[in-house]
């Protein structure tokens, strides 16, 4: 949640109770083989901010190919949509990404 808040703050868009959305933002997929919770974890970054992870059931298909590309110094990108709103003082958010199919890596 911190990363999402920072993205909205960086672009000068306050999160309100009406909700706000960033459309078509470039995201980077960053494999995390050192992650103690899941060696197949794939972080989703917007700029320098981590805004989430691929779901576990997807990450297992993507992790190896993304790690191979990262070892060559290649960043894998996609398109993200970030949505956030405040609800009784609590920030609720969703990140949706469009990325190539895992077999393309």
PDB file of N, CA and C in Angstrom:
ATOM      1  N   UNK A   1       0.828  -1.188   0.000  1.00  0.00           N
ATOM      2  CA  UNK A   1       0.000   0.000   0.000  1.00  0.00           C
ATOM      3  C   UNK A   1       0.877   1.258   0.000  1.00  0.00           C
ATOM      4  N   UNK A   2       2.034   1.185   0.693  1.00  0.00           N
ATOM      5  CA  UNK A   2       2.906   2.362   0.727  1.00  0.00           C
ATOM      6  C   UNK A   2       3.324   2.780  -0.676  1.00  0.00           C
ATOM      7  N   UNK A   3       3.688   1.791  -1.503  1.00  0.00           N
ATOM      8  CA  UNK A   3       4.127   2.093  -2.860  1.00  0.00           C
ATOM      9  C   UNK A   3       3.035   2.747  -3.683  1.00  0.00           C
ATOM     10  N   UNK A   4       1.815   2.259  -3.541  1.00  0.00           N
ATOM     11  CA  UNK A   4       0.694   2.836  -4.282  1.00  0.00           C
ATOM     12  C   UNK A   4       0.471   4.277  -3.845  1.00  0.00           C
ATOM     13  N   UNK A   5       0.478   4.507  -2.539  1.00  0.00           N
ATOM     14  CA  UNK A   5       0.312   5.875  -2.034  1.00  0.00           C
ATOM     15  C   UNK A   5       1.402   6.785  -2.572  1.00  0.00           C
ATOM     16  N   UNK A   6       2.618   6.283  -2.630  1.00  0.00           N
ATOM     17  CA  UNK A   6       3.740   7.106  -3.109  1.00  0.00           C
ATOM     18  C   UNK A   6       3.616   7.432  -4.592  1.00  0.00           C
ATOM     19  N   UNK A   7       3.104   6.495  -5.389  1.00  0.00           N
ATOM     20  CA  UNK A   7       2.910   6.779  -6.816  1.00  0.00           C
ATOM     21  C   UNK A   7       1.912   7.914  -6.988  1.00  0.00           C
ATOM     22  N   UNK A   8       0.776   7.845  -6.296  1.00  0.00           N
ATOM     23  CA  UNK A   8      -0.216   8.913  -6.405  1.00  0.00           C
ATOM     24  C   UNK A   8       0.358  10.240  -5.902  1.00  0.00           C
ATOM     25  N   UNK A   9       1.121  10.188  -4.814  1.00  0.00           N
ATOM     26  CA  UNK A   9       1.732  11.402  -4.272  1.00  0.00           C
ATOM     27  C   UNK A   9       2.747  11.980  -5.256  1.00  0.00           C
ATOM     28  N   UNK A  10       3.576  11.120  -5.843  1.00  0.00           N
ATOM     29  CA  UNK A  10       4.600  11.573  -6.784  1.00  0.00           C
ATOM     30  C   UNK A  10       3.986  12.324  -7.958  1.00  0.00           C
ATOM     31  N   UNK A  11       2.819  11.883  -8.414  1.00  0.00           N
ATOM     32  CA  UNK A  11       2.168  12.527  -9.551  1.00  0.00           C
ATOM     33  C   UNK A  11       1.198  13.620  -9.130  1.00  0.00           C
ATOM     34  N   UNK A  12       1.195  13.959  -7.839  1.00  0.00           N
ATOM     35  CA  UNK A  12       0.373  15.060  -7.363  1.00  0.00           C
ATOM     36  C   UNK A  12      -1.118  14.797  -7.433  1.00  0.00           C
ATOM     37  N   UNK A  13      -1.497  13.537  -7.299  1.00  0.00           N
ATOM     38  CA  UNK A  13      -2.923  13.190  -7.355  1.00  0.00           C
ATOM     39  C   UNK A  13      -3.339  12.661  -5.979  1.00  0.00           C
ATOM     40  N   UNK A  14      -4.062  13.462  -5.216  1.00  0.00           N
ATOM     41  CA  UNK A  14      -4.484  13.009  -3.890  1.00  0.00           C
ATOM     42  C   UNK A  14      -5.520  11.888  -3.981  1.00  0.00           C
ATOM     43  N   UNK A  15      -5.411  10.934  -3.097  1.00  0.00           N
ATOM     44  CA  UNK A  15      -6.380   9.845  -3.034  1.00  0.00           C
ATOM     45  C   UNK A  15      -7.583  10.348  -2.249  1.00  0.00           C
ATOM     46  N   UNK A  16      -8.761  10.288  -2.863  1.00  0.00           N
ATOM     47  CA  UNK A  16      -9.965  10.841  -2.239  1.00  0.00           C
ATOM     48  C   UNK A  16     -11.027   9.763  -2.063  1.00  0.00           C
ATOM     49  N   UNK A  17     -12.114  10.135  -1.420  1.00  0.00           N
ATOM     50  CA  UNK A  17     -13.208   9.187  -1.236  1.00  0.00           C
ATOM     51  C   UNK A  17     -13.980   8.960  -2.533  1.00  0.00           C
ATOM     52  N   UNK A  18     -13.743   9.767  -3.533  1.00  0.00           N
ATOM     53  CA  UNK A  18     -14.366   9.567  -4.849  1.00  0.00           C
ATOM     54  C   UNK A  18     -13.570   8.588  -5.692  1.00  0.00           C
ATOM     55  N   UNK A  19     -12.327   8.331  -5.286  1.00  0.00           N
ATOM     56  CA  UNK A  19     -11.465   7.425  -6.035  1.00  0.00           C
ATOM     57  C   UNK A  19     -10.718   8.143  -7.142  1.00  0.00           C
ATOM     58  N   UNK A  20      -9.576   7.622  -7.490  1.00  0.00           N
ATOM     59  CA  UNK A  20      -8.799   8.176  -8.585  1.00  0.00           C
ATOM     60  C   UNK A  20      -8.049   7.030  -9.266  1.00  0.00           C
ATOM     61  N   UNK A  21      -7.747   7.250 -10.539  1.00  0.00           N
ATOM     62  CA  UNK A  21      -7.167   6.198 -11.359  1.00  0.00           C
ATOM     63  C   UNK A  21      -6.032   6.734 -12.209  1.00  0.00           C
ATOM     64  N   UNK A  22      -4.979   5.944 -12.323  1.00  0.00           N
ATOM     65  CA  UNK A  22      -3.931   6.167 -13.316  1.00  0.00           C
ATOM     66  C   UNK A  22      -4.099   5.081 -14.356  1.00  0.00           C
ATOM     67  N   UNK A  23      -4.248   5.479 -15.594  1.00  0.00           N
ATOM     68  CA  UNK A  23      -4.387   4.528 -16.699  1.00  0.00           C
ATOM     69  C   UNK A  23      -3.069   4.419 -17.456  1.00  0.00           C
ATOM     70  N   UNK A  24      -2.796   3.251 -17.975  1.00  0.00           N
ATOM     71  CA  UNK A  24      -1.671   2.996 -18.865  1.00  0.00           C
ATOM     72  C   UNK A  24      -0.332   3.513 -18.339  1.00  0.00           C
ATOM     73  N   UNK A  25      -0.005   3.103 -17.129  1.00  0.00           N
ATOM     74  CA  UNK A  25       1.272   3.441 -16.507  1.00  0.00           C
ATOM     75  C   UNK A  25       2.238   2.285 -16.754  1.00  0.00           C
ATOM     76  N   UNK A  26       3.457   2.589 -17.164  1.00  0.00           N
ATOM     77  CA  UNK A  26       4.436   1.521 -17.364  1.00  0.00           C
ATOM     78  C   UNK A  26       4.795   0.883 -16.028  1.00  0.00           C
ATOM     79  N   UNK A  27       4.818  -0.440 -16.016  1.00  0.00           N
ATOM     80  CA  UNK A  27       5.251  -1.158 -14.818  1.00  0.00           C
ATOM     81  C   UNK A  27       6.410  -2.077 -15.198  1.00  0.00           C
ATOM     82  N   UNK A  28       7.186  -2.434 -14.209  1.00  0.00           N
ATOM     83  CA  UNK A  28       8.326  -3.335 -14.388  1.00  0.00           C
ATOM     84  C   UNK A  28       8.066  -4.577 -13.552  1.00  0.00           C
ATOM     85  N   UNK A  29       8.334  -5.739 -14.126  1.00  0.00           N
ATOM     86  CA  UNK A  29       8.208  -7.000 -13.404  1.00  0.00           C
ATOM     87  C   UNK A  29       9.591  -7.381 -12.894  1.00  0.00           C
ATOM     88  N   UNK A  30       9.713  -7.521 -11.603  1.00  0.00           N
ATOM     89  CA  UNK A  30      11.009  -7.778 -10.978  1.00  0.00           C
ATOM     90  C   UNK A  30      10.976  -9.097 -10.210  1.00  0.00           C
ATOM     91  N   UNK A  31      11.623 -10.144 -10.734  1.00  0.00           N
ATOM     92  CA  UNK A  31      11.645 -11.416 -10.017  1.00  0.00           C
ATOM     93  C   UNK A  31      12.433 -11.280  -8.716  1.00  0.00           C
ATOM     94  N   UNK A  32      11.975 -11.973  -7.673  1.00  0.00           N
ATOM     95  CA  UNK A  32      12.627 -11.932  -6.359  1.00  0.00           C
ATOM     96  C   UNK A  32      12.941 -13.349  -5.873  1.00  0.00           C
ATOM     97  N   UNK A  33      13.938 -14.011  -6.472  1.00  0.00           N
ATOM     98  CA  UNK A  33      14.252 -15.380  -6.050  1.00  0.00           C
ATOM     99  C   UNK A  33      14.746 -15.469  -4.605  1.00  0.00           C
ATOM    100  N   UNK A  34      15.127 -14.360  -4.017  1.00  0.00           N
ATOM    101  CA  UNK A  34      15.594 -14.313  -2.624  1.00  0.00           C
ATOM    102  C   UNK A  34      14.447 -14.119  -1.629  1.00  0.00           C
ATOM    103  N   UNK A  35      13.230 -13.939  -2.132  1.00  0.00           N
ATOM    104  CA  UNK A  35      12.080 -13.673  -1.268  1.00  0.00           C
ATOM    105  C   UNK A  35      11.861 -14.862  -0.321  1.00  0.00           C
ATOM    106  N   UNK A  36      11.896 -14.623   1.000  1.00  0.00           N
ATOM    107  CA  UNK A  36      11.773 -15.732   1.958  1.00  0.00           C
ATOM    108  C   UNK A  36      10.390 -16.383   1.968  1.00  0.00           C
ATOM    109  N   UNK A  37       9.369 -15.699   1.470  1.00  0.00           N
ATOM    110  CA  UNK A  37       8.019 -16.243   1.472  1.00  0.00           C
ATOM    111  C   UNK A  37       7.710 -17.058   0.218  1.00  0.00           C
ATOM    112  N   UNK A  38       8.370 -16.687  -0.896  1.00  0.00           N
ATOM    113  CA  UNK A  38       8.107 -17.379  -2.159  1.00  0.00           C
ATOM    114  C   UNK A  38       9.269 -17.128  -3.122  1.00  0.00           C
ATOM    115  N   UNK A  39      10.070 -18.149  -3.414  1.00  0.00           N
ATOM    116  CA  UNK A  39      11.202 -17.953  -4.334  1.00  0.00           C
ATOM    117  C   UNK A  39      10.764 -17.644  -5.766  1.00  0.00           C
ATOM    118  N   UNK A  40       9.472 -17.818  -6.066  1.00  0.00           N
ATOM    119  CA  UNK A  40       8.944 -17.463  -7.386  1.00  0.00           C
ATOM    120  C   UNK A  40       8.277 -16.092  -7.397  1.00  0.00           C
ATOM    121  N   UNK A  41       8.422 -15.332  -6.338  1.00  0.00           N
ATOM    122  CA  UNK A  41       7.759 -14.031  -6.237  1.00  0.00           C
ATOM    123  C   UNK A  41       8.211 -13.100  -7.365  1.00  0.00           C
ATOM    124  N   UNK A  42       7.251 -12.353  -7.895  1.00  0.00           N
ATOM    125  CA  UNK A  42       7.525 -11.353  -8.930  1.00  0.00           C
ATOM    126  C   UNK A  42       6.867 -10.055  -8.483  1.00  0.00           C
ATOM    127  N   UNK A  43       7.700  -9.063  -8.165  1.00  0.00           N
ATOM    128  CA  UNK A  43       7.200  -7.759  -7.738  1.00  0.00           C
ATOM    129  C   UNK A  43       6.782  -6.942  -8.952  1.00  0.00           C
ATOM    130  N   UNK A  44       5.770  -6.110  -8.757  1.00  0.00           N
ATOM    131  CA  UNK A  44       5.319  -5.170  -9.783  1.00  0.00           C
ATOM    132  C   UNK A  44       5.736  -3.782  -9.312  1.00  0.00           C
ATOM    133  N   UNK A  45       6.560  -3.126 -10.110  1.00  0.00           N
ATOM    134  CA  UNK A  45       7.103  -1.812  -9.773  1.00  0.00           C
ATOM    135  C   UNK A  45       6.534  -0.756 -10.712  1.00  0.00           C
ATOM    136  N   UNK A  46       6.237   0.409 -10.165  1.00  0.00           N
ATOM    137  CA  UNK A  46       5.915   1.590 -10.968  1.00  0.00           C
ATOM    138  C   UNK A  46       6.957   2.617 -10.564  1.00  0.00           C
ATOM    139  N   UNK A  47       7.831   2.926 -11.510  1.00  0.00           N
ATOM    140  CA  UNK A  47       8.996   3.747 -11.162  1.00  0.00           C
ATOM    141  C   UNK A  47       9.821   2.986 -10.149  1.00  0.00           C
ATOM    142  N   UNK A  48      10.155   3.638  -9.053  1.00  0.00           N
ATOM    143  CA  UNK A  48      10.942   2.979  -7.997  1.00  0.00           C
ATOM    144  C   UNK A  48      10.052   2.444  -6.869  1.00  0.00           C
ATOM    145  N   UNK A  49       8.739   2.426  -7.093  1.00  0.00           N
ATOM    146  CA  UNK A  49       7.802   2.027  -6.042  1.00  0.00           C
ATOM    147  C   UNK A  49       7.211   0.652  -6.309  1.00  0.00           C
ATOM    148  N   UNK A  50       7.304  -0.229  -5.340  1.00  0.00           N
ATOM    149  CA  UNK A  50       6.699  -1.548  -5.435  1.00  0.00           C
ATOM    150  C   UNK A  50       5.215  -1.397  -5.108  1.00  0.00           C
ATOM    151  N   UNK A  51       4.365  -1.771  -6.073  1.00  0.00           N
ATOM    152  CA  UNK A  51       2.922  -1.590  -5.885  1.00  0.00           C
ATOM    153  C   UNK A  51       2.182  -2.908  -5.692  1.00  0.00           C
ATOM    154  N   UNK A  52       2.904  -4.016  -5.742  1.00  0.00           N
ATOM    155  CA  UNK A  52       2.272  -5.309  -5.524  1.00  0.00           C
ATOM    156  C   UNK A  52       3.109  -6.444  -6.074  1.00  0.00           C
ATOM    157  N   UNK A  53       2.503  -7.628  -6.062  1.00  0.00           N
ATOM    158  CA  UNK A  53       3.133  -8.843  -6.570  1.00  0.00           C
ATOM    159  C   UNK A  53       2.178  -9.547  -7.513  1.00  0.00           C
ATOM    160  N   UNK A  54       2.736 -10.277  -8.468  1.00  0.00           N
ATOM    161  CA  UNK A  54       1.898 -11.167  -9.250  1.00  0.00           C
ATOM    162  C   UNK A  54       1.297 -12.197  -8.300  1.00  0.00           C
ATOM    163  N   UNK A  55       0.069 -12.620  -8.532  1.00  0.00           N
ATOM    164  CA  UNK A  55      -0.490 -13.690  -7.707  1.00  0.00           C
ATOM    165  C   UNK A  55       0.400 -14.940  -7.798  1.00  0.00           C
ATOM    166  N   UNK A  56       0.496 -15.674  -6.717  1.00  0.00           N
ATOM    167  CA  UNK A  56       1.366 -16.846  -6.629  1.00  0.00           C
ATOM    168  C   UNK A  56       1.162 -17.807  -7.791  1.00  0.00           C
ATOM    169  N   UNK A  57      -0.103 -18.055  -8.152  1.00  0.00           N
ATOM    170  CA  UNK A  57      -0.372 -19.021  -9.221  1.00  0.00           C
ATOM    171  C   UNK A  57       0.125 -18.544 -10.584  1.00  0.00           C
ATOM    172  N   UNK A  58       0.283 -17.239 -10.776  1.00  0.00           N
ATOM    173  CA  UNK A  58       0.868 -16.707 -12.009  1.00  0.00           C
ATOM    174  C   UNK A  58       2.381 -16.598 -11.914  1.00  0.00           C
ATOM    175  N   UNK A  59       2.857 -16.196 -10.768  1.00  0.00           N
ATOM    176  CA  UNK A  59       4.299 -15.970 -10.580  1.00  0.00           C
ATOM    177  C   UNK A  59       5.106 -17.218 -10.872  1.00  0.00           C
ATOM    178  N   UNK A  60       4.594 -18.375 -10.512  1.00  0.00           N
ATOM    179  CA  UNK A  60       5.330 -19.625 -10.746  1.00  0.00           C
ATOM    180  C   UNK A  60       5.600 -19.824 -12.241  1.00  0.00           C
ATOM    181  N   UNK A  61       4.694 -19.361 -13.102  1.00  0.00           N
ATOM    182  CA  UNK A  61       4.888 -19.478 -14.549  1.00  0.00           C
ATOM    183  C   UNK A  61       5.833 -18.423 -15.110  1.00  0.00           C
ATOM    184  N   UNK A  62       5.930 -17.283 -14.459  1.00  0.00           N
ATOM    185  CA  UNK A  62       6.730 -16.168 -14.961  1.00  0.00           C
ATOM    186  C   UNK A  62       8.141 -16.090 -14.381  1.00  0.00           C
ATOM    187  N   UNK A  63       8.342 -16.555 -13.172  1.00  0.00           N
ATOM    188  CA  UNK A  63       9.571 -16.298 -12.423  1.00  0.00           C
ATOM    189  C   UNK A  63      10.838 -16.716 -13.164  1.00  0.00           C
ATOM    190  N   UNK A  64      10.873 -17.923 -13.700  1.00  0.00           N
ATOM    191  CA  UNK A  64      12.106 -18.421 -14.329  1.00  0.00           C
ATOM    192  C   UNK A  64      12.495 -17.578 -15.545  1.00  0.00           C
ATOM    193  N   UNK A  65      11.549 -17.335 -16.435  1.00  0.00           N
ATOM    194  CA  UNK A  65      11.847 -16.551 -17.632  1.00  0.00           C
ATOM    195  C   UNK A  65      12.252 -15.120 -17.308  1.00  0.00           C
ATOM    196  N   UNK A  66      11.564 -14.514 -16.340  1.00  0.00           N
ATOM    197  CA  UNK A  66      11.909 -13.141 -15.947  1.00  0.00           C
ATOM    198  C   UNK A  66      13.280 -13.088 -15.294  1.00  0.00           C
ATOM    199  N   UNK A  67      13.603 -14.085 -14.473  1.00  0.00           N
ATOM    200  CA  UNK A  67      14.926 -14.122 -13.827  1.00  0.00           C
ATOM    201  C   UNK A  67      16.031 -14.266 -14.862  1.00  0.00           C
ATOM    202  N   UNK A  68      15.784 -15.084 -15.885  1.00  0.00           N
ATOM    203  CA  UNK A  68      16.776 -15.261 -16.956  1.00  0.00           C
ATOM    204  C   UNK A  68      17.020 -13.936 -17.680  1.00  0.00           C
ATOM    205  N   UNK A  69      15.959 -13.209 -17.989  1.00  0.00           N
ATOM    206  CA  UNK A  69      16.119 -11.909 -18.644  1.00  0.00           C
ATOM    207  C   UNK A  69      16.800 -10.897 -17.731  1.00  0.00           C
ATOM    208  N   UNK A  70      16.416 -10.886 -16.453  1.00  0.00           N
ATOM    209  CA  UNK A  70      17.027  -9.951 -15.496  1.00  0.00           C
ATOM    210  C   UNK A  70      18.528 -10.208 -15.374  1.00  0.00           C
ATOM    211  N   UNK A  71      18.939 -11.468 -15.417  1.00  0.00           N
ATOM    212  CA  UNK A  71      20.370 -11.801 -15.330  1.00  0.00           C
ATOM    213  C   UNK A  71      21.141 -11.239 -16.523  1.00  0.00           C
ATOM    214  N   UNK A  72      20.456 -11.035 -17.641  1.00  0.00           N
ATOM    215  CA  UNK A  72      21.070 -10.434 -18.833  1.00  0.00           C
ATOM    216  C   UNK A  72      20.958  -8.911 -18.817  1.00  0.00           C
ATOM    217  N   UNK A  73      20.351  -8.359 -17.757  1.00  0.00           N
ATOM    218  CA  UNK A  73      20.191  -6.913 -17.651  1.00  0.00           C
ATOM    219  C   UNK A  73      18.982  -6.384 -18.393  1.00  0.00           C
ATOM    220  N   UNK A  74      18.024  -7.258 -18.726  1.00  0.00           N
ATOM    221  CA  UNK A  74      16.837  -6.855 -19.471  1.00  0.00           C
ATOM    222  C   UNK A  74      15.672  -6.675 -18.503  1.00  0.00           C
ATOM    223  N   UNK A  75      15.039  -5.508 -18.553  1.00  0.00           N
ATOM    224  CA  UNK A  75      13.845  -5.251 -17.752  1.00  0.00           C
ATOM    225  C   UNK A  75      12.613  -5.666 -18.543  1.00  0.00           C
ATOM    226  N   UNK A  76      11.688  -6.298 -17.873  1.00  0.00           N
ATOM    227  CA  UNK A  76      10.440  -6.695 -18.505  1.00  0.00           C
ATOM    228  C   UNK A  76       9.357  -5.735 -18.036  1.00  0.00           C
ATOM    229  N   UNK A  77       8.657  -5.159 -18.997  1.00  0.00           N
ATOM    230  CA  UNK A  77       7.644  -4.158 -18.657  1.00  0.00           C
ATOM    231  C   UNK A  77       6.254  -4.596 -19.090  1.00  0.00           C
ATOM    232  N   UNK A  78       5.294  -3.915 -18.557  1.00  0.00           N
ATOM    233  CA  UNK A  78       3.905  -4.106 -18.914  1.00  0.00           C
ATOM    234  C   UNK A  78       3.182  -2.789 -18.730  1.00  0.00           C
ATOM    235  N   UNK A  79       1.878  -2.838 -18.824  1.00  0.00           N
ATOM    236  CA  UNK A  79       1.051  -1.650 -18.646  1.00  0.00           C
ATOM    237  C   UNK A  79       0.178  -1.877 -17.417  1.00  0.00           C
ATOM    238  N   UNK A  80       0.150  -0.885 -16.547  1.00  0.00           N
ATOM    239  CA  UNK A  80      -0.618  -1.007 -15.306  1.00  0.00           C
ATOM    240  C   UNK A  80      -1.725   0.043 -15.238  1.00  0.00           C
ATOM    241  N   UNK A  81      -2.738  -0.325 -14.494  1.00  0.00           N
ATOM    242  CA  UNK A  81      -3.815   0.607 -14.132  1.00  0.00           C
ATOM    243  C   UNK A  81      -3.871   0.600 -12.615  1.00  0.00           C
ATOM    244  N   UNK A  82      -3.722   1.767 -11.998  1.00  0.00           N
ATOM    245  CA  UNK A  82      -3.780   1.885 -10.546  1.00  0.00           C
ATOM    246  C   UNK A  82      -5.034   2.646 -10.158  1.00  0.00           C
ATOM    247  N   UNK A  83      -5.766   2.105  -9.220  1.00  0.00           N
ATOM    248  CA  UNK A  83      -6.972   2.737  -8.703  1.00  0.00           C
ATOM    249  C   UNK A  83      -6.872   2.773  -7.190  1.00  0.00           C
ATOM    250  N   UNK A  84      -7.282   3.879  -6.594  1.00  0.00           N
ATOM    251  CA  UNK A  84      -7.275   3.987  -5.124  1.00  0.00           C
ATOM    252  C   UNK A  84      -8.368   4.935  -4.677  1.00  0.00           C
ATOM    253  N   UNK A  85      -8.860   4.712  -3.464  1.00  0.00           N
ATOM    254  CA  UNK A  85      -9.833   5.606  -2.854  1.00  0.00           C
ATOM    255  C   UNK A  85      -9.746   5.455  -1.342  1.00  0.00           C
ATOM    256  N   UNK A  86     -10.202   6.474  -0.654  1.00  0.00           N
ATOM    257  CA  UNK A  86     -10.289   6.378   0.796  1.00  0.00           C
ATOM    258  C   UNK A  86     -11.708   5.945   1.151  1.00  0.00           C
ATOM    259  N   UNK A  87     -11.796   5.144   2.182  1.00  0.00           N
ATOM    260  CA  UNK A  87     -13.086   4.639   2.639  1.00  0.00           C
ATOM    261  C   UNK A  87     -13.062   4.690   4.161  1.00  0.00           C
ATOM    262  N   UNK A  88     -13.693   5.708   4.730  1.00  0.00           N
ATOM    263  CA  UNK A  88     -13.703   5.909   6.190  1.00  0.00           C
ATOM    264  C   UNK A  88     -12.275   5.969   6.741  1.00  0.00           C
ATOM    265  N   UNK A  89     -11.402   6.673   6.007  1.00  0.00           N
ATOM    266  CA  UNK A  89     -10.032   6.847   6.462  1.00  0.00           C
ATOM    267  C   UNK A  89      -9.076   5.733   6.069  1.00  0.00           C
ATOM    268  N   UNK A  90      -9.592   4.668   5.482  1.00  0.00           N
ATOM    269  CA  UNK A  90      -8.765   3.543   5.041  1.00  0.00           C
ATOM    270  C   UNK A  90      -8.588   3.642   3.528  1.00  0.00           C
ATOM    271  N   UNK A  91      -7.351   3.497   3.054  1.00  0.00           N
ATOM    272  CA  UNK A  91      -7.110   3.534   1.616  1.00  0.00           C
ATOM    273  C   UNK A  91      -7.299   2.135   1.047  1.00  0.00           C
ATOM    274  N   UNK A  92      -8.111   2.056   0.024  1.00  0.00           N
ATOM    275  CA  UNK A  92      -8.327   0.803  -0.702  1.00  0.00           C
ATOM    276  C   UNK A  92      -7.767   1.007  -2.103  1.00  0.00           C
ATOM    277  N   UNK A  93      -7.110  -0.019  -2.636  1.00  0.00           N
ATOM    278  CA  UNK A  93      -6.460   0.141  -3.933  1.00  0.00           C
ATOM    279  C   UNK A  93      -6.470  -1.159  -4.713  1.00  0.00           C
ATOM    280  N   UNK A  94      -6.285  -1.014  -6.012  1.00  0.00           N
ATOM    281  CA  UNK A  94      -6.183  -2.169  -6.895  1.00  0.00           C
ATOM    282  C   UNK A  94      -5.187  -1.834  -7.996  1.00  0.00           C
ATOM    283  N   UNK A  95      -4.363  -2.807  -8.330  1.00  0.00           N
ATOM    284  CA  UNK A  95      -3.428  -2.680  -9.442  1.00  0.00           C
ATOM    285  C   UNK A  95      -3.777  -3.783 -10.437  1.00  0.00           C
ATOM    286  N   UNK A  96      -4.025  -3.404 -11.673  1.00  0.00           N
ATOM    287  CA  UNK A  96      -4.313  -4.347 -12.739  1.00  0.00           C
ATOM    288  C   UNK A  96      -3.228  -4.172 -13.786  1.00  0.00           C
ATOM    289  N   UNK A  97      -2.642  -5.281 -14.252  1.00  0.00           N
ATOM    290  CA  UNK A  97      -1.562  -5.156 -15.226  1.00  0.00           C
ATOM    291  C   UNK A  97      -1.870  -5.964 -16.476  1.00  0.00           C
ATOM    292  N   UNK A  98      -1.331  -5.490 -17.576  1.00  0.00           N
ATOM    293  CA  UNK A  98      -1.406  -6.181 -18.856  1.00  0.00           C
ATOM    294  C   UNK A  98       0.028  -6.526 -19.227  1.00  0.00           C
ATOM    295  N   UNK A  99       0.317  -7.822 -19.289  1.00  0.00           N
ATOM    296  CA  UNK A  99       1.665  -8.287 -19.588  1.00  0.00           C
ATOM    297  C   UNK A  99       1.587  -9.420 -20.613  1.00  0.00           C
ATOM    298  N   UNK A 100       2.686  -9.695 -21.318  1.00  0.00           N
ATOM    299  CA  UNK A 100       2.681 -10.814 -22.255  1.00  0.00           C
ATOM    300  C   UNK A 100       2.462 -12.142 -21.521  1.00  0.00           C
ATOM    301  N   UNK A 101       2.026 -13.140 -22.261  1.00  0.00           N
ATOM    302  CA  UNK A 101       1.875 -14.482 -21.712  1.00  0.00           C
ATOM    303  C   UNK A 101       3.242 -15.011 -21.274  1.00  0.00           C
ATOM    304  N   UNK A 102       3.246 -15.848 -20.260  1.00  0.00           N
ATOM    305  CA  UNK A 102       4.506 -16.343 -19.668  1.00  0.00           C
ATOM    306  C   UNK A 102       5.365 -17.097 -20.672  1.00  0.00           C
ATOM    307  N   UNK A 103       4.775 -17.798 -21.627  1.00  0.00           N
ATOM    308  CA  UNK A 103       5.577 -18.565 -22.595  1.00  0.00           C
ATOM    309  C   UNK A 103       6.400 -17.658 -23.524  1.00  0.00           C
ATOM    310  N   UNK A 104       6.098 -16.371 -23.541  1.00  0.00           N
ATOM    311  CA  UNK A 104       6.865 -15.452 -24.381  1.00  0.00           C
ATOM    312  C   UNK A 104       8.207 -15.061 -23.767  1.00  0.00           C
ATOM    313  N   UNK A 105       8.436 -15.511 -22.554  1.00  0.00           N
ATOM    314  CA  UNK A 105       9.712 -15.225 -21.899  1.00  0.00           C
ATOM    315  C   UNK A 105      10.595 -16.445 -21.973  1.00  0.00           C
TER     316      UNK A 105
END
